[in-house]
Amino acid sequence: MKVLIKEPKQEPKVVDMHISLMSLQNVVGGFIESICIEGLRERKIICYCNEGGKILELEPNFRLVMGGEVCDIVCGTVIFLGDDEDGGEKSLNRYNIEVIKNYLERWGLE
């Protein structure tokens, strides 16, 4: 499955990987949490992060925006996948990848 991984202070990278709970937890470094990102969720894109990212003092990654306002900072490595609308994940397509990269470019911390 084609996914996009964004590590703090790194450029996002597109990789092919087998998706399982364990593989997602390995990418984010702990228990996963799905976060809703305005503009991405509407395009059926899922974002997973480490649910304890702030408590564990993981490095800040990008800004989280709601209603056009910055409301939080996402910490640690995140993984973006497509949403198959039936509660599962699917590969990202080129359009999804460009939408994610544009969001990260606009709301990144660099």
PDB file of N, CA and C in Angstrom:
ATOM      1  N   MET A   1       0.844  -1.169   0.000  1.00  0.00           N
ATOM      2  CA  MET A   1       0.000   0.000   0.000  1.00  0.00           C
ATOM      3  C   MET A   1       0.894   1.238   0.000  1.00  0.00           C
ATOM      4  N   LYS A   2       0.540   2.238  -0.808  1.00  0.00           N
ATOM      5  CA  LYS A   2       1.313   3.474  -0.901  1.00  0.00           C
ATOM      6  C   LYS A   2       0.855   4.429   0.200  1.00  0.00           C
ATOM      7  N   VAL A   3       1.811   4.844   1.051  1.00  0.00           N
ATOM      8  CA  VAL A   3       1.536   5.754   2.162  1.00  0.00           C
ATOM      9  C   VAL A   3       2.561   6.885   2.133  1.00  0.00           C
ATOM     10  N   LEU A   4       2.272   7.938   2.892  1.00  0.00           N
ATOM     11  CA  LEU A   4       3.226   9.035   3.034  1.00  0.00           C
ATOM     12  C   LEU A   4       3.615   9.114   4.510  1.00  0.00           C
ATOM     13  N   ILE A   5       4.909   9.143   4.771  1.00  0.00           N
ATOM     14  CA  ILE A   5       5.426   9.247   6.134  1.00  0.00           C
ATOM     15  C   ILE A   5       6.127  10.583   6.278  1.00  0.00           C
ATOM     16  N   LYS A   6       5.800  11.287   7.371  1.00  0.00           N
ATOM     17  CA  LYS A   6       6.432  12.583   7.652  1.00  0.00           C
ATOM     18  C   LYS A   6       7.074  12.513   9.027  1.00  0.00           C
ATOM     19  N   GLU A   7       8.398  12.571   9.049  1.00  0.00           N
ATOM     20  CA  GLU A   7       9.153  12.638  10.291  1.00  0.00           C
ATOM     21  C   GLU A   7       9.477  14.096  10.576  1.00  0.00           C
ATOM     22  N   PRO A   8       9.598  14.471  11.856  1.00  0.00           N
ATOM     23  CA  PRO A   8       9.954  15.851  12.179  1.00  0.00           C
ATOM     24  C   PRO A   8      11.258  16.268  11.492  1.00  0.00           C
ATOM     25  N   LYS A   9      11.264  17.490  10.975  1.00  0.00           N
ATOM     26  CA  LYS A   9      12.435  18.097  10.323  1.00  0.00           C
ATOM     27  C   LYS A   9      12.919  17.346   9.086  1.00  0.00           C
ATOM     28  N   GLN A  10      12.069  16.475   8.535  1.00  0.00           N
ATOM     29  CA  GLN A  10      12.415  15.728   7.324  1.00  0.00           C
ATOM     30  C   GLN A  10      11.369  16.000   6.250  1.00  0.00           C
ATOM     31  N   GLU A  11      11.764  15.839   5.007  1.00  0.00           N
ATOM     32  CA  GLU A  11      10.815  15.933   3.906  1.00  0.00           C
ATOM     33  C   GLU A  11       9.893  14.715   3.956  1.00  0.00           C
ATOM     34  N   PRO A  12       8.624  14.878   3.581  1.00  0.00           N
ATOM     35  CA  PRO A  12       7.731  13.715   3.546  1.00  0.00           C
ATOM     36  C   PRO A  12       8.210  12.724   2.490  1.00  0.00           C
ATOM     37  N   LYS A  13       8.016  11.432   2.776  1.00  0.00           N
ATOM     38  CA  LYS A  13       8.428  10.416   1.803  1.00  0.00           C
ATOM     39  C   LYS A  13       7.285   9.440   1.565  1.00  0.00           C
ATOM     40  N   VAL A  14       7.143   9.051   0.317  1.00  0.00           N
ATOM     41  CA  VAL A  14       6.131   8.090  -0.088  1.00  0.00           C
ATOM     42  C   VAL A  14       6.793   6.714  -0.107  1.00  0.00           C
ATOM     43  N   VAL A  15       6.169   5.766   0.570  1.00  0.00           N
ATOM     44  CA  VAL A  15       6.701   4.400   0.623  1.00  0.00           C
ATOM     45  C   VAL A  15       5.572   3.404   0.399  1.00  0.00           C
ATOM     46  N   ASP A  16       5.950   2.215  -0.042  1.00  0.00           N
ATOM     47  CA  ASP A  16       5.007   1.105  -0.140  1.00  0.00           C
ATOM     48  C   ASP A  16       5.221   0.233   1.086  1.00  0.00           C
ATOM     49  N   MET A  17       4.143  -0.082   1.796  1.00  0.00           N
ATOM     50  CA  MET A  17       4.270  -0.926   2.975  1.00  0.00           C
ATOM     51  C   MET A  17       3.006  -1.732   3.204  1.00  0.00           C
ATOM     52  N   HIS A  18       3.166  -2.829   3.883  1.00  0.00           N
ATOM     53  CA  HIS A  18       2.038  -3.640   4.325  1.00  0.00           C
ATOM     54  C   HIS A  18       1.460  -2.964   5.565  1.00  0.00           C
ATOM     55  N   ILE A  19       0.150  -2.783   5.605  1.00  0.00           N
ATOM     56  CA  ILE A  19      -0.491  -2.090   6.721  1.00  0.00           C
ATOM     57  C   ILE A  19      -1.070  -3.095   7.710  1.00  0.00           C
ATOM     58  N   SER A  20      -0.652  -2.957   8.949  1.00  0.00           N
ATOM     59  CA  SER A  20      -1.193  -3.711  10.076  1.00  0.00           C
ATOM     60  C   SER A  20      -1.063  -2.815  11.295  1.00  0.00           C
ATOM     61  N   LEU A  21      -1.723  -3.171  12.370  1.00  0.00           N
ATOM     62  CA  LEU A  21      -1.593  -2.382  13.598  1.00  0.00           C
ATOM     63  C   LEU A  21      -0.131  -2.292  14.004  1.00  0.00           C
ATOM     64  N   MET A  22       0.585  -3.402  13.937  1.00  0.00           N
ATOM     65  CA  MET A  22       1.993  -3.408  14.346  1.00  0.00           C
ATOM     66  C   MET A  22       2.850  -2.514  13.445  1.00  0.00           C
ATOM     67  N   SER A  23       2.603  -2.556  12.127  1.00  0.00           N
ATOM     68  CA  SER A  23       3.414  -1.726  11.222  1.00  0.00           C
ATOM     69  C   SER A  23       3.140  -0.239  11.450  1.00  0.00           C
ATOM     70  N   LEU A  24       1.873   0.118  11.714  1.00  0.00           N
ATOM     71  CA  LEU A  24       1.552   1.517  12.013  1.00  0.00           C
ATOM     72  C   LEU A  24       2.216   1.955  13.317  1.00  0.00           C
ATOM     73  N   GLN A  25       2.153   1.098  14.339  1.00  0.00           N
ATOM     74  CA  GLN A  25       2.780   1.424  15.623  1.00  0.00           C
ATOM     75  C   GLN A  25       4.294   1.539  15.478  1.00  0.00           C
ATOM     76  N   ASN A  26       4.895   0.716  14.637  1.00  0.00           N
ATOM     77  CA  ASN A  26       6.336   0.817  14.409  1.00  0.00           C
ATOM     78  C   ASN A  26       6.713   2.148  13.776  1.00  0.00           C
ATOM     79  N   VAL A  27       5.897   2.624  12.835  1.00  0.00           N
ATOM     80  CA  VAL A  27       6.190   3.894  12.166  1.00  0.00           C
ATOM     81  C   VAL A  27       6.109   5.059  13.151  1.00  0.00           C
ATOM     82  N   VAL A  28       5.055   5.109  13.971  1.00  0.00           N
ATOM     83  CA  VAL A  28       4.885   6.260  14.881  1.00  0.00           C
ATOM     84  C   VAL A  28       5.603   6.074  16.216  1.00  0.00           C
ATOM     85  N   GLY A  29       6.101   4.875  16.472  1.00  0.00           N
ATOM     86  CA  GLY A  29       6.866   4.636  17.693  1.00  0.00           C
ATOM     87  C   GLY A  29       6.035   4.425  18.942  1.00  0.00           C
ATOM     88  N   GLY A  30       4.836   3.890  18.802  1.00  0.00           N
ATOM     89  CA  GLY A  30       3.985   3.626  19.964  1.00  0.00           C
ATOM     90  C   GLY A  30       2.545   3.436  19.547  1.00  0.00           C
ATOM     91  N   PHE A  31       1.652   3.598  20.516  1.00  0.00           N
ATOM     92  CA  PHE A  31       0.223   3.456  20.224  1.00  0.00           C
ATOM     93  C   PHE A  31      -0.211   4.521  19.228  1.00  0.00           C
ATOM     94  N   ILE A  32      -1.089   4.125  18.278  1.00  0.00           N
ATOM     95  CA  ILE A  32      -1.521   5.066  17.247  1.00  0.00           C
ATOM     96  C   ILE A  32      -2.795   5.802  17.655  1.00  0.00           C
ATOM     97  N   GLU A  33      -2.898   7.009  17.136  1.00  0.00           N
ATOM     98  CA  GLU A  33      -4.098   7.827  17.290  1.00  0.00           C
ATOM     99  C   GLU A  33      -4.391   8.442  15.929  1.00  0.00           C
ATOM    100  N   SER A  34      -5.642   8.382  15.507  1.00  0.00           N
ATOM    101  CA  SER A  34      -6.061   9.016  14.269  1.00  0.00           C
ATOM    102  C   SER A  34      -6.399  10.472  14.568  1.00  0.00           C
ATOM    103  N   ILE A  35      -5.851  11.383  13.781  1.00  0.00           N
ATOM    104  CA  ILE A  35      -6.175  12.794  13.973  1.00  0.00           C
ATOM    105  C   ILE A  35      -6.887  13.317  12.734  1.00  0.00           C
ATOM    106  N   CYS A  36      -7.841  14.173  12.968  1.00  0.00           N
ATOM    107  CA  CYS A  36      -8.618  14.786  11.897  1.00  0.00           C
ATOM    108  C   CYS A  36      -7.930  16.074  11.475  1.00  0.00           C
ATOM    109  N   ILE A  37      -7.566  16.150  10.215  1.00  0.00           N
ATOM    110  CA  ILE A  37      -6.908  17.341   9.696  1.00  0.00           C
ATOM    111  C   ILE A  37      -7.834  17.992   8.686  1.00  0.00           C
ATOM    112  N   GLU A  38      -8.206  19.222   8.981  1.00  0.00           N
ATOM    113  CA  GLU A  38      -9.106  19.968   8.109  1.00  0.00           C
ATOM    114  C   GLU A  38      -8.528  20.025   6.698  1.00  0.00           C
ATOM    115  N   GLY A  39      -9.354  19.717   5.721  1.00  0.00           N
ATOM    116  CA  GLY A  39      -8.926  19.732   4.337  1.00  0.00           C
ATOM    117  C   GLY A  39      -8.414  18.385   3.851  1.00  0.00           C
ATOM    118  N   LEU A  40      -7.980  17.541   4.776  1.00  0.00           N
ATOM    119  CA  LEU A  40      -7.505  16.215   4.384  1.00  0.00           C
ATOM    120  C   LEU A  40      -8.578  15.166   4.615  1.00  0.00           C
ATOM    121  N   ARG A  41      -9.267  15.249   5.742  1.00  0.00           N
ATOM    122  CA  ARG A  41     -10.305  14.265   6.053  1.00  0.00           C
ATOM    123  C   ARG A  41     -11.402  14.287   4.994  1.00  0.00           C
ATOM    124  N   GLU A  42     -11.728  15.487   4.501  1.00  0.00           N
ATOM    125  CA  GLU A  42     -12.759  15.621   3.474  1.00  0.00           C
ATOM    126  C   GLU A  42     -12.343  14.942   2.173  1.00  0.00           C
ATOM    127  N   ARG A  43     -11.047  14.778   1.992  1.00  0.00           N
ATOM    128  CA  ARG A  43     -10.523  14.127   0.787  1.00  0.00           C
ATOM    129  C   ARG A  43     -10.204  12.660   1.049  1.00  0.00           C
ATOM    130  N   LYS A  44     -10.758  12.133   2.148  1.00  0.00           N
ATOM    131  CA  LYS A  44     -10.618  10.715   2.504  1.00  0.00           C
ATOM    132  C   LYS A  44      -9.162  10.331   2.766  1.00  0.00           C
ATOM    133  N   ILE A  45      -8.470  11.189   3.514  1.00  0.00           N
ATOM    134  CA  ILE A  45      -7.094  10.923   3.911  1.00  0.00           C
ATOM    135  C   ILE A  45      -7.058  10.767   5.430  1.00  0.00           C
ATOM    136  N   ILE A  46      -6.425   9.690   5.884  1.00  0.00           N
ATOM    137  CA  ILE A  46      -6.284   9.395   7.310  1.00  0.00           C
ATOM    138  C   ILE A  46      -4.873   9.762   7.747  1.00  0.00           C
ATOM    139  N   CYS A  47      -4.747  10.297   8.944  1.00  0.00           N
ATOM    140  CA  CYS A  47      -3.435  10.596   9.513  1.00  0.00           C
ATOM    141  C   CYS A  47      -3.329   9.925  10.879  1.00  0.00           C
ATOM    142  N   TYR A  48      -2.276   9.133  11.069  1.00  0.00           N
ATOM    143  CA  TYR A  48      -2.017   8.494  12.353  1.00  0.00           C
ATOM    144  C   TYR A  48      -0.748   9.082  12.965  1.00  0.00           C
ATOM    145  N   CYS A  49      -0.800   9.299  14.275  1.00  0.00           N
ATOM    146  CA  CYS A  49       0.371   9.762  15.010  1.00  0.00           C
ATOM    147  C   CYS A  49       0.500   8.938  16.289  1.00  0.00           C
ATOM    148  N   ASN A  50       1.538   9.188  17.053  1.00  0.00           N
ATOM    149  CA  ASN A  50       1.733   8.543  18.346  1.00  0.00           C
ATOM    150  C   ASN A  50       0.810   9.228  19.340  1.00  0.00           C
ATOM    151  N   GLU A  51      -0.100   8.480  19.967  1.00  0.00           N
ATOM    152  CA  GLU A  51      -1.085   9.090  20.854  1.00  0.00           C
ATOM    153  C   GLU A  51      -0.458   9.765  22.069  1.00  0.00           C
ATOM    154  N   GLY A  52       0.737   9.389  22.425  1.00  0.00           N
ATOM    155  CA  GLY A  52       1.415  10.014  23.568  1.00  0.00           C
ATOM    156  C   GLY A  52       2.531  10.941  23.145  1.00  0.00           C
ATOM    157  N   GLY A  53       2.478  11.421  21.912  1.00  0.00           N
ATOM    158  CA  GLY A  53       3.565  12.228  21.363  1.00  0.00           C
ATOM    159  C   GLY A  53       3.996  13.401  22.216  1.00  0.00           C
ATOM    160  N   LYS A  54       3.049  14.133  22.742  1.00  0.00           N
ATOM    161  CA  LYS A  54       3.393  15.302  23.564  1.00  0.00           C
ATOM    162  C   LYS A  54       3.882  14.885  24.949  1.00  0.00           C
ATOM    163  N   ILE A  55       3.220  13.910  25.536  1.00  0.00           N
ATOM    164  CA  ILE A  55       3.620  13.426  26.863  1.00  0.00           C
ATOM    165  C   ILE A  55       5.044  12.870  26.809  1.00  0.00           C
ATOM    166  N   LEU A  56       5.360  12.185  25.707  1.00  0.00           N
ATOM    167  CA  LEU A  56       6.693  11.611  25.524  1.00  0.00           C
ATOM    168  C   LEU A  56       7.707  12.647  25.048  1.00  0.00           C
ATOM    169  N   GLU A  57       7.231  13.869  24.839  1.00  0.00           N
ATOM    170  CA  GLU A  57       8.060  14.989  24.378  1.00  0.00           C
ATOM    171  C   GLU A  57       8.738  14.674  23.044  1.00  0.00           C
ATOM    172  N   LEU A  58       7.952  14.060  22.137  1.00  0.00           N
ATOM    173  CA  LEU A  58       8.461  13.819  20.793  1.00  0.00           C
ATOM    174  C   LEU A  58       8.618  15.160  20.082  1.00  0.00           C
ATOM    175  N   GLU A  59       9.491  15.192  19.112  1.00  0.00           N
ATOM    176  CA  GLU A  59       9.799  16.428  18.406  1.00  0.00           C
ATOM    177  C   GLU A  59       8.581  16.944  17.628  1.00  0.00           C
ATOM    178  N   PRO A  60       8.327  18.260  17.672  1.00  0.00           N
ATOM    179  CA  PRO A  60       7.215  18.830  16.900  1.00  0.00           C
ATOM    180  C   PRO A  60       7.389  18.573  15.404  1.00  0.00           C
ATOM    181  N   ASN A  61       6.265  18.342  14.716  1.00  0.00           N
ATOM    182  CA  ASN A  61       6.316  17.991  13.303  1.00  0.00           C
ATOM    183  C   ASN A  61       5.662  19.062  12.426  1.00  0.00           C
ATOM    184  N   PHE A  62       4.375  19.362  12.667  1.00  0.00           N
ATOM    185  CA  PHE A  62       3.669  20.377  11.879  1.00  0.00           C
ATOM    186  C   PHE A  62       2.491  20.915  12.672  1.00  0.00           C
ATOM    187  N   ARG A  63       1.937  22.030  12.168  1.00  0.00           N
ATOM    188  CA  ARG A  63       0.796  22.667  12.833  1.00  0.00           C
ATOM    189  C   ARG A  63      -0.503  21.980  12.425  1.00  0.00           C
ATOM    190  N   LEU A  64      -1.426  21.891  13.367  1.00  0.00           N
ATOM    191  CA  LEU A  64      -2.766  21.378  13.113  1.00  0.00           C
ATOM    192  C   LEU A  64      -3.690  22.582  13.045  1.00  0.00           C
ATOM    193  N   VAL A  65      -4.454  22.682  11.961  1.00  0.00           N
ATOM    194  CA  VAL A  65      -5.299  23.844  11.704  1.00  0.00           C
ATOM    195  C   VAL A  65      -6.765  23.437  11.671  1.00  0.00           C
ATOM    196  N   MET A  66      -7.601  24.195  12.356  1.00  0.00           N
ATOM    197  CA  MET A  66      -9.053  24.007  12.324  1.00  0.00           C
ATOM    198  C   MET A  66      -9.696  25.384  12.160  1.00  0.00           C
ATOM    199  N   GLY A  67     -10.616  25.489  11.237  1.00  0.00           N
ATOM    200  CA  GLY A  67     -11.283  26.767  11.006  1.00  0.00           C
ATOM    201  C   GLY A  67     -10.329  27.856  10.558  1.00  0.00           C
ATOM    202  N   GLY A  68      -9.250  27.467   9.889  1.00  0.00           N
ATOM    203  CA  GLY A  68      -8.270  28.440   9.416  1.00  0.00           C
ATOM    204  C   GLY A  68      -7.313  28.931  10.477  1.00  0.00           C
ATOM    205  N   GLU A  69      -7.446  28.422  11.694  1.00  0.00           N
ATOM    206  CA  GLU A  69      -6.590  28.845  12.810  1.00  0.00           C
ATOM    207  C   GLU A  69      -5.734  27.682  13.291  1.00  0.00           C
ATOM    208  N   VAL A  70      -4.490  27.977  13.639  1.00  0.00           N
ATOM    209  CA  VAL A  70      -3.631  26.959  14.232  1.00  0.00           C
ATOM    210  C   VAL A  70      -4.188  26.633  15.611  1.00  0.00           C
ATOM    211  N   CYS A  71      -4.463  25.350  15.857  1.00  0.00           N
ATOM    212  CA  CYS A  71      -5.045  24.952  17.141  1.00  0.00           C
ATOM    213  C   CYS A  71      -4.153  24.003  17.927  1.00  0.00           C
ATOM    214  N   ASP A  72      -3.114  23.454  17.278  1.00  0.00           N
ATOM    215  CA  ASP A  72      -2.269  22.493  17.979  1.00  0.00           C
ATOM    216  C   ASP A  72      -1.023  22.234  17.145  1.00  0.00           C
ATOM    217  N   ILE A  73      -0.089  21.517  17.733  1.00  0.00           N
ATOM    218  CA  ILE A  73       1.112  21.056  17.049  1.00  0.00           C
ATOM    219  C   ILE A  73       1.119  19.537  17.124  1.00  0.00           C
ATOM    220  N   VAL A  74       1.332  18.886  15.986  1.00  0.00           N
ATOM    221  CA  VAL A  74       1.434  17.425  15.946  1.00  0.00           C
ATOM    222  C   VAL A  74       2.904  17.079  16.177  1.00  0.00           C
ATOM    223  N   CYS A  75       3.147  16.154  17.113  1.00  0.00           N
ATOM    224  CA  CYS A  75       4.516  15.784  17.477  1.00  0.00           C
ATOM    225  C   CYS A  75       4.817  14.350  17.055  1.00  0.00           C
ATOM    226  N   GLY A  76       6.061  14.104  16.702  1.00  0.00           N
ATOM    227  CA  GLY A  76       6.501  12.768  16.323  1.00  0.00           C
ATOM    228  C   GLY A  76       6.215  12.464  14.865  1.00  0.00           C
ATOM    229  N   THR A  77       6.581  11.270  14.472  1.00  0.00           N
ATOM    230  CA  THR A  77       6.383  10.803  13.098  1.00  0.00           C
ATOM    231  C   THR A  77       4.909  10.514  12.855  1.00  0.00           C
ATOM    232  N   VAL A  78       4.432  10.878  11.674  1.00  0.00           N
ATOM    233  CA  VAL A  78       3.048  10.597  11.294  1.00  0.00           C
ATOM    234  C   VAL A  78       3.030   9.806   9.986  1.00  0.00           C
ATOM    235  N   ILE A  79       1.923   9.112   9.778  1.00  0.00           N
ATOM    236  CA  ILE A  79       1.733   8.354   8.553  1.00  0.00           C
ATOM    237  C   ILE A  79       0.355   8.695   7.985  1.00  0.00           C
ATOM    238  N   PHE A  80       0.316   8.962   6.687  1.00  0.00           N
ATOM    239  CA  PHE A  80      -0.923   9.299   5.991  1.00  0.00           C
ATOM    240  C   PHE A  80      -1.298   8.147   5.071  1.00  0.00           C
ATOM    241  N   LEU A  81      -2.588   7.783   5.104  1.00  0.00           N
ATOM    242  CA  LEU A  81      -3.128   6.724   4.262  1.00  0.00           C
ATOM    243  C   LEU A  81      -4.442   7.188   3.657  1.00  0.00           C
ATOM    244  N   GLY A  82      -4.908   6.473   2.655  1.00  0.00           N
ATOM    245  CA  GLY A  82      -6.227   6.733   2.107  1.00  0.00           C
ATOM    246  C   GLY A  82      -7.299   6.045   2.952  1.00  0.00           C
ATOM    247  N   ASP A  83      -8.513   6.576   2.893  1.00  0.00           N
ATOM    248  CA  ASP A  83      -9.665   6.032   3.625  1.00  0.00           C
ATOM    249  C   ASP A  83     -10.602   5.409   2.595  1.00  0.00           C
ATOM    250  N   ASP A  84     -10.893   4.101   2.764  1.00  0.00           N
ATOM    251  CA  ASP A  84     -11.750   3.425   1.784  1.00  0.00           C
ATOM    252  C   ASP A  84     -13.241   3.622   2.046  1.00  0.00           C
ATOM    253  N   GLU A  85     -13.592   4.459   3.013  1.00  0.00           N
ATOM    254  CA  GLU A  85     -14.971   4.809   3.364  1.00  0.00           C
ATOM    255  C   GLU A  85     -15.742   3.670   4.015  1.00  0.00           C
ATOM    256  N   ASP A  86     -15.108   2.524   4.220  1.00  0.00           N
ATOM    257  CA  ASP A  86     -15.748   1.406   4.903  1.00  0.00           C
ATOM    258  C   ASP A  86     -15.028   1.078   6.207  1.00  0.00           C
ATOM    259  N   GLY A  87     -14.284   2.048   6.725  1.00  0.00           N
ATOM    260  CA  GLY A  87     -13.557   1.840   7.969  1.00  0.00           C
ATOM    261  C   GLY A  87     -12.186   1.229   7.787  1.00  0.00           C
ATOM    262  N   GLY A  88     -11.708   1.164   6.561  1.00  0.00           N
ATOM    263  CA  GLY A  88     -10.390   0.600   6.295  1.00  0.00           C
ATOM    264  C   GLY A  88      -9.482   1.592   5.607  1.00  0.00           C
ATOM    265  N   GLU A  89      -8.263   1.165   5.385  1.00  0.00           N
ATOM    266  CA  GLU A  89      -7.276   2.008   4.723  1.00  0.00           C
ATOM    267  C   GLU A  89      -7.068   1.547   3.291  1.00  0.00           C
ATOM    268  N   LYS A  90      -6.580   2.476   2.464  1.00  0.00           N
ATOM    269  CA  LYS A  90      -6.219   2.143   1.091  1.00  0.00           C
ATOM    270  C   LYS A  90      -5.022   2.990   0.681  1.00  0.00           C
ATOM    271  N   SER A  91      -4.436   2.656  -0.441  1.00  0.00           N
ATOM    272  CA  SER A  91      -3.283   3.393  -0.956  1.00  0.00           C
ATOM    273  C   SER A  91      -3.655   4.829  -1.283  1.00  0.00           C
ATOM    274  N   LEU A  92      -2.683   5.694  -1.113  1.00  0.00           N
ATOM    275  CA  LEU A  92      -2.844   7.078  -1.548  1.00  0.00           C
ATOM    276  C   LEU A  92      -2.645   7.143  -3.055  1.00  0.00           C
ATOM    277  N   ASN A  93      -3.383   8.029  -3.711  1.00  0.00           N
ATOM    278  CA  ASN A  93      -3.140   8.269  -5.129  1.00  0.00           C
ATOM    279  C   ASN A  93      -2.295   9.544  -5.276  1.00  0.00           C
ATOM    280  N   ARG A  94      -1.880   9.855  -6.491  1.00  0.00           N
ATOM    281  CA  ARG A  94      -1.012  11.027  -6.713  1.00  0.00           C
ATOM    282  C   ARG A  94      -1.661  12.319  -6.228  1.00  0.00           C
ATOM    283  N   TYR A  95      -2.951  12.457  -6.465  1.00  0.00           N
ATOM    284  CA  TYR A  95      -3.656  13.657  -6.024  1.00  0.00           C
ATOM    285  C   TYR A  95      -3.608  13.780  -4.494  1.00  0.00           C
ATOM    286  N   ASN A  96      -3.906  12.673  -3.775  1.00  0.00           N
ATOM    287  CA  ASN A  96      -3.845  12.693  -2.313  1.00  0.00           C
ATOM    288  C   ASN A  96      -2.457  13.115  -1.832  1.00  0.00           C
ATOM    289  N   ILE A  97      -1.433  12.563  -2.451  1.00  0.00           N
ATOM    290  CA  ILE A  97      -0.056  12.861  -2.046  1.00  0.00           C
ATOM    291  C   ILE A  97       0.243  14.337  -2.228  1.00  0.00           C
ATOM    292  N   GLU A  98      -0.186  14.934  -3.331  1.00  0.00           N
ATOM    293  CA  GLU A  98       0.037  16.368  -3.560  1.00  0.00           C
ATOM    294  C   GLU A  98      -0.717  17.218  -2.543  1.00  0.00           C
ATOM    295  N   VAL A  99      -1.958  16.824  -2.217  1.00  0.00           N
ATOM    296  CA  VAL A  99      -2.742  17.552  -1.214  1.00  0.00           C
ATOM    297  C   VAL A  99      -2.025  17.530   0.138  1.00  0.00           C
ATOM    298  N   ILE A 100      -1.525  16.362   0.533  1.00  0.00           N
ATOM    299  CA  ILE A 100      -0.811  16.243   1.814  1.00  0.00           C
ATOM    300  C   ILE A 100       0.456  17.082   1.795  1.00  0.00           C
ATOM    301  N   LYS A 101       1.237  16.980   0.730  1.00  0.00           N
ATOM    302  CA  LYS A 101       2.486  17.756   0.645  1.00  0.00           C
ATOM    303  C   LYS A 101       2.215  19.259   0.694  1.00  0.00           C
ATOM    304  N   ASN A 102       1.153  19.699   0.032  1.00  0.00           N
ATOM    305  CA  ASN A 102       0.804  21.125   0.077  1.00  0.00           C
ATOM    306  C   ASN A 102       0.441  21.555   1.488  1.00  0.00           C
ATOM    307  N   TYR A 103      -0.325  20.718   2.204  1.00  0.00           N
ATOM    308  CA  TYR A 103      -0.679  21.027   3.592  1.00  0.00           C
ATOM    309  C   TYR A 103       0.587  21.132   4.439  1.00  0.00           C
ATOM    310  N   LEU A 104       1.467  20.160   4.324  1.00  0.00           N
ATOM    311  CA  LEU A 104       2.687  20.146   5.130  1.00  0.00           C
ATOM    312  C   LEU A 104       3.597  21.318   4.787  1.00  0.00           C
ATOM    313  N   GLU A 105       3.627  21.688   3.524  1.00  0.00           N
ATOM    314  CA  GLU A 105       4.453  22.846   3.114  1.00  0.00           C
ATOM    315  C   GLU A 105       3.899  24.135   3.734  1.00  0.00           C
ATOM    316  N   ARG A 106       2.598  24.257   3.738  1.00  0.00           N
ATOM    317  CA  ARG A 106       1.966  25.470   4.287  1.00  0.00           C
ATOM    318  C   ARG A 106       2.051  25.532   5.812  1.00  0.00           C
ATOM    319  N   TRP A 107       1.846  24.384   6.472  1.00  0.00           N
ATOM    320  CA  TRP A 107       1.728  24.379   7.933  1.00  0.00           C
ATOM    321  C   TRP A 107       2.896  23.702   8.651  1.00  0.00           C
ATOM    322  N   GLY A 108       3.978  23.455   7.916  1.00  0.00           N
ATOM    323  CA  GLY A 108       5.157  22.857   8.546  1.00  0.00           C
ATOM    324  C   GLY A 108       5.842  23.830   9.489  1.00  0.00           C
ATOM    325  N   LEU A 109       6.806  23.349  10.210  1.00  0.00           N
ATOM    326  CA  LEU A 109       7.505  24.159  11.207  1.00  0.00           C
ATOM    327  C   LEU A 109       8.848  24.686  10.716  1.00  0.00           C
ATOM    328  N   GLU A 110       9.306  24.249   9.566  1.00  0.00           N
ATOM    329  CA  GLU A 110      10.603  24.694   9.061  1.00  0.00           C
ATOM    330  C   GLU A 110      10.511  26.078   8.491  1.00  0.00           C
TER     331      GLU A 110
END
